[in-house]
Amino acid sequence: MTEKRVGRQTAKAAEETRKQILCAATELFCCQGFKAVSLRAISEKAGVSHSLIRHHFGSKLKIWKQVNDEMENYFRQYISDLLHTQDSQLKSNYRLFNVLTTLLARLLVDPRPMQILADAMKQEQELVVYFLDESYEMAELFESLLNECHKEGYIQDYQVNELKWLTASYAHSATSLAPLMRGTYPEVESESACLLKHWHLYARMLAAQLEIPADDIPQPAQLEDLLQAVPWECK
């Protein structure tokens, strides 16, 4: 019995080490980009040996792919939960509005996915293709709801990839063009309040496209009020 208990503890410790490495790598990839990050930097950030990283993952590229997979799995769950928690009595345009605006709020509060996406676009073709393959699969989650909107006469000129691009553009610009965004709202002092203004800009635009009255647009005190409670291991 003692040997089995130790074995379970060892497996648990190995899984914790793996998570530790992935979280450290996620932060470094977001801040420095794929090319600038070394395995040694990841090992120092994670507080583990270089050989242990190679044992768990083998290479920096494999770590990056695993980080991307973890992030994709998180957002797949996040979007799935958003879709399934919508009030079925609401019209399709309201449900789509709720899903997209809540998703943008998530990306504005935590810009790491957009940072990794933007960096991937600058790297070798293998990283670009890998990221886009995952992204295309996630877009399928929206197909059914968008088809409902089309049948009910809403945004018939829009396709899933266009909505994805629109939302990604708003999310990424908040990070890549942050000084310009702050200059757009000089009366706002905090970054969080500025991001809320940016979210409202997107919400007003989307509401107009979906024929939702301005009075029905949510007025959250902060973006966190909109978020879905789906935990992510690398906080």
Protein backbone atom coordinates (compact mmCIF):
# COMPACT_ATOMS: atom_id res chain seq x y z
CA MET A 1 0.00 0.00 0.00
CA THR A 2 2.86 2.34 0.80
CA GLU A 3 4.37 1.92 -2.69
CA LYS A 4 1.06 2.72 -4.40
CA ARG A 5 0.61 5.84 -2.30
CA VAL A 6 4.10 7.08 -3.19
CA GLY A 7 3.44 6.33 -6.85
CA ARG A 8 0.30 8.46 -6.82
CA GLN A 9 2.16 11.29 -5.13
CA THR A 10 4.93 11.08 -7.71
CA ALA A 11 2.43 11.24 -10.57
CA LYS A 12 0.71 14.20 -8.93
CA ALA A 13 4.03 15.97 -8.43
CA ALA A 14 4.92 15.36 -12.08
CA GLU A 15 1.62 16.88 -13.20
CA GLU A 16 2.17 19.90 -10.96
CA THR A 17 5.65 20.35 -12.43
CA ARG A 18 4.22 20.15 -15.93
CA LYS A 19 1.64 22.85 -15.10
CA GLN A 20 4.36 24.97 -13.52
CA ILE A 21 6.43 24.79 -16.70
CA LEU A 22 3.45 25.62 -18.94
CA CYS A 23 2.44 28.63 -16.83
CA ALA A 24 5.99 29.97 -16.83
CA ALA A 25 6.28 29.43 -20.59
CA THR A 26 2.92 31.12 -21.20
CA GLU A 27 4.04 34.26 -19.39
CA LEU A 28 7.38 34.36 -21.21
CA PHE A 29 5.90 33.73 -24.66
CA CYS A 30 3.37 36.52 -24.07
CA CYS A 31 5.93 39.04 -22.82
CA GLN A 32 8.94 38.24 -25.02
CA GLY A 33 7.68 36.25 -28.01
CA PHE A 34 8.56 32.73 -29.14
CA LYS A 35 11.96 33.47 -30.68
CA ALA A 36 13.31 35.40 -27.69
CA VAL A 37 12.44 32.72 -25.14
CA SER A 38 14.92 29.94 -24.40
CA LEU A 39 14.43 26.65 -22.57
CA ARG A 40 16.84 27.94 -19.94
CA ALA A 41 14.67 31.02 -19.38
CA ILE A 42 11.61 28.79 -18.98
CA SER A 43 13.44 26.54 -16.52
CA GLU A 44 14.53 29.54 -14.44
CA LYS A 45 11.05 31.05 -14.49
CA ALA A 46 9.44 27.73 -13.54
CA GLY A 47 12.09 26.94 -10.94
CA VAL A 48 12.89 23.53 -12.42
CA SER A 49 15.92 22.01 -14.10
CA HIS A 50 16.60 22.26 -17.82
CA SER A 51 16.69 18.46 -18.07
CA LEU A 52 13.27 18.19 -16.40
CA ILE A 53 11.77 20.45 -19.05
CA ARG A 54 13.25 18.28 -21.79
CA HIS A 55 11.90 15.20 -20.03
CA HIS A 56 8.34 16.58 -19.97
CA PHE A 57 8.23 18.33 -23.35
CA GLY A 58 11.38 17.73 -25.39
CA SER A 59 11.64 21.10 -27.11
CA LYS A 60 10.54 24.73 -27.00
CA LEU A 61 8.24 24.20 -29.97
CA LYS A 62 6.46 21.35 -28.20
CA ILE A 63 6.00 23.57 -25.15
CA TRP A 64 4.54 26.33 -27.34
CA LYS A 65 2.15 23.87 -28.99
CA GLN A 66 1.04 22.62 -25.58
CA VAL A 67 0.50 26.19 -24.36
CA ASN A 68 -1.58 26.84 -27.45
CA ASP A 69 -3.56 23.61 -26.93
CA GLU A 70 -4.27 24.49 -23.29
CA MET A 71 -5.45 27.95 -24.30
CA GLU A 72 -7.59 26.58 -27.12
CA ASN A 73 -9.18 24.03 -24.78
CA TYR A 74 -9.92 26.77 -22.26
CA PHE A 75 -11.63 29.00 -24.81
CA ARG A 76 -13.49 26.09 -26.35
CA GLN A 77 -14.94 25.40 -22.90
CA TYR A 78 -15.52 29.11 -22.28
CA ILE A 79 -17.42 29.61 -25.54
CA SER A 80 -19.33 26.37 -25.10
CA ASP A 81 -20.45 27.45 -21.63
CA LEU A 82 -21.45 30.86 -22.97
CA LEU A 83 -23.56 29.29 -25.70
CA HIS A 84 -25.26 26.81 -23.39
CA THR A 85 -26.05 29.29 -20.61
CA GLN A 86 -27.92 31.70 -22.88
CA ASP A 87 -31.62 32.08 -22.17
CA SER A 88 -33.35 30.02 -24.87
CA GLN A 89 -36.26 32.49 -24.78
CA LEU A 90 -34.04 35.26 -26.11
CA LYS A 91 -33.98 35.96 -29.82
CA SER A 92 -30.90 34.72 -31.65
CA ASN A 93 -29.54 38.25 -32.18
CA TYR A 94 -29.51 38.89 -28.42
CA ARG A 95 -27.85 35.55 -27.71
CA LEU A 96 -25.14 36.18 -30.30
CA PHE A 97 -24.60 39.68 -28.91
CA ASN A 98 -24.22 38.30 -25.37
CA VAL A 99 -21.74 35.63 -26.45
CA LEU A 100 -19.51 37.93 -28.50
CA THR A 101 -19.46 40.83 -26.04
CA THR A 102 -18.71 38.49 -23.14
CA LEU A 103 -15.93 36.85 -25.14
CA LEU A 104 -14.40 40.24 -25.90
CA ALA A 105 -14.57 41.17 -22.21
CA ARG A 106 -12.61 37.99 -21.42
CA LEU A 107 -9.94 38.87 -24.00
CA LEU A 108 -9.64 42.45 -22.75
CA VAL A 109 -9.29 41.44 -19.11
CA ASP A 110 -6.65 38.84 -19.99
CA PRO A 111 -4.78 39.74 -23.21
CA ARG A 112 -2.47 36.70 -23.19
CA PRO A 113 -4.33 34.77 -25.94
CA MET A 114 -4.11 37.76 -28.28
CA GLN A 115 -0.45 38.28 -27.43
CA ILE A 116 0.35 34.68 -28.34
CA LEU A 117 -1.76 34.91 -31.50
CA ALA A 118 -0.02 38.10 -32.64
CA ASP A 119 3.40 36.62 -31.95
CA ALA A 120 2.53 33.39 -33.80
CA MET A 121 1.77 35.41 -36.93
CA LYS A 122 5.39 36.66 -36.93
CA GLN A 123 6.99 33.23 -36.59
CA GLU A 124 7.76 30.28 -38.81
CA GLN A 125 4.98 28.92 -41.00
CA GLU A 126 4.61 25.88 -38.74
CA LEU A 127 3.44 28.03 -35.83
CA VAL A 128 1.06 30.03 -38.03
CA VAL A 129 -0.52 26.91 -39.53
CA TYR A 130 -0.80 25.21 -36.13
CA PHE A 131 -2.54 28.22 -34.59
CA LEU A 132 -4.93 28.69 -37.51
CA ASP A 133 -5.90 25.01 -37.54
CA GLU A 134 -7.00 25.30 -33.91
CA SER A 135 -8.73 28.62 -34.58
CA TYR A 136 -10.80 27.26 -37.46
CA GLU A 137 -12.08 24.41 -35.29
CA MET A 138 -13.23 26.84 -32.59
CA ALA A 139 -15.17 28.94 -35.11
CA GLU A 140 -17.46 25.96 -35.68
CA LEU A 141 -18.95 26.54 -32.23
CA PHE A 142 -20.62 29.73 -33.51
CA GLU A 143 -22.04 28.27 -36.72
CA SER A 144 -25.39 27.11 -35.35
CA LEU A 145 -26.18 30.37 -33.56
CA LEU A 146 -25.16 32.49 -36.54
CA ASN A 147 -27.33 30.34 -38.80
CA GLU A 148 -30.27 31.07 -36.49
CA CYS A 149 -29.56 34.78 -36.85
CA HIS A 150 -29.50 34.45 -40.63
CA LYS A 151 -32.84 32.62 -40.65
CA GLU A 152 -34.39 35.35 -38.50
CA GLY A 153 -33.07 38.05 -40.82
CA TYR A 154 -30.13 39.36 -38.77
CA ILE A 155 -26.61 40.15 -40.09
CA GLN A 156 -27.15 38.03 -43.18
CA ASP A 157 -24.05 39.49 -44.82
CA TYR A 158 -21.76 38.26 -42.00
CA GLN A 159 -19.97 34.93 -41.82
CA VAL A 160 -18.40 33.30 -38.75
CA ASN A 161 -14.84 34.16 -39.78
CA GLU A 162 -15.79 37.82 -40.18
CA LEU A 163 -17.24 37.97 -36.66
CA LYS A 164 -14.15 36.20 -35.35
CA TRP A 165 -11.91 38.68 -37.16
CA LEU A 166 -13.92 41.65 -35.91
CA THR A 167 -13.75 40.50 -32.29
CA ALA A 168 -10.06 39.60 -32.54
CA SER A 169 -9.29 43.02 -34.02
CA TYR A 170 -10.92 44.81 -31.11
CA ALA A 171 -9.18 42.56 -28.60
CA HIS A 172 -5.74 42.88 -30.18
CA SER A 173 -5.89 46.63 -30.76
CA ALA A 174 -6.44 47.19 -27.04
CA THR A 175 -2.97 45.71 -26.48
CA SER A 176 -1.01 46.63 -29.61
CA LEU A 177 -2.40 50.18 -29.82
CA ALA A 178 -2.85 50.81 -26.10
CA PRO A 179 -1.36 54.37 -26.14
CA LEU A 180 -3.70 55.34 -29.00
CA MET A 181 -6.65 53.85 -27.12
CA ARG A 182 -5.76 55.81 -23.99
CA GLY A 183 -5.45 58.95 -26.11
CA THR A 184 -8.96 58.34 -27.43
CA TYR A 185 -10.33 58.58 -23.89
CA PRO A 186 -8.19 61.26 -22.18
CA GLU A 187 -10.86 61.84 -19.54
CA VAL A 188 -10.40 58.28 -18.23
CA GLU A 189 -7.64 57.76 -15.67
CA SER A 190 -7.35 53.99 -15.15
CA GLU A 191 -6.51 51.37 -17.76
CA SER A 192 -9.45 49.22 -16.69
CA ALA A 193 -11.87 52.11 -17.24
CA CYS A 194 -10.31 52.73 -20.65
CA LEU A 195 -10.79 49.07 -21.60
CA LEU A 196 -14.42 49.35 -20.51
CA LYS A 197 -14.87 52.30 -22.89
CA HIS A 198 -13.27 50.23 -25.65
CA TRP A 199 -15.67 47.37 -24.91
CA HIS A 200 -18.63 49.78 -25.11
CA LEU A 201 -17.46 50.93 -28.54
CA TYR A 202 -17.56 47.32 -29.77
CA ALA A 203 -20.89 46.66 -28.04
CA ARG A 204 -22.54 49.69 -29.65
CA MET A 205 -21.26 48.73 -33.09
CA LEU A 206 -22.39 45.11 -32.71
CA ALA A 207 -25.77 46.11 -31.29
CA ALA A 208 -26.41 48.31 -34.33
CA GLN A 209 -25.56 45.43 -36.68
CA LEU A 210 -27.80 43.03 -34.75
CA GLU A 211 -30.68 45.54 -34.50
CA ILE A 212 -30.52 45.67 -30.71
CA PRO A 213 -31.73 48.95 -29.14
CA ALA A 214 -29.10 51.02 -27.35
CA ASP A 215 -31.14 50.79 -24.14
CA ASP A 216 -30.61 47.01 -24.13
CA ILE A 217 -26.81 47.23 -24.14
CA PRO A 218 -25.45 46.18 -20.71
CA GLN A 219 -23.84 48.88 -18.58
CA PRO A 220 -21.34 46.99 -16.40
CA ALA A 221 -19.37 48.89 -13.77
CA GLN A 222 -16.32 46.84 -14.77
CA LEU A 223 -15.49 44.22 -17.39
CA GLU A 224 -15.13 41.53 -14.74
CA ASP A 225 -18.88 41.77 -14.14
CA LEU A 226 -19.44 40.21 -17.57
CA LEU A 227 -17.10 37.24 -17.28
CA GLN A 228 -18.09 33.60 -17.27
CA ALA A 229 -16.72 31.61 -14.33
CA VAL A 230 -14.45 29.17 -16.17
CA PRO A 231 -11.13 28.68 -14.34
CA TRP A 232 -7.83 28.74 -16.21
CA GLU A 233 -4.88 26.98 -14.58
CA CYS A 234 -2.36 29.68 -15.55
CA LYS A 235 -3.88 32.69 -13.82
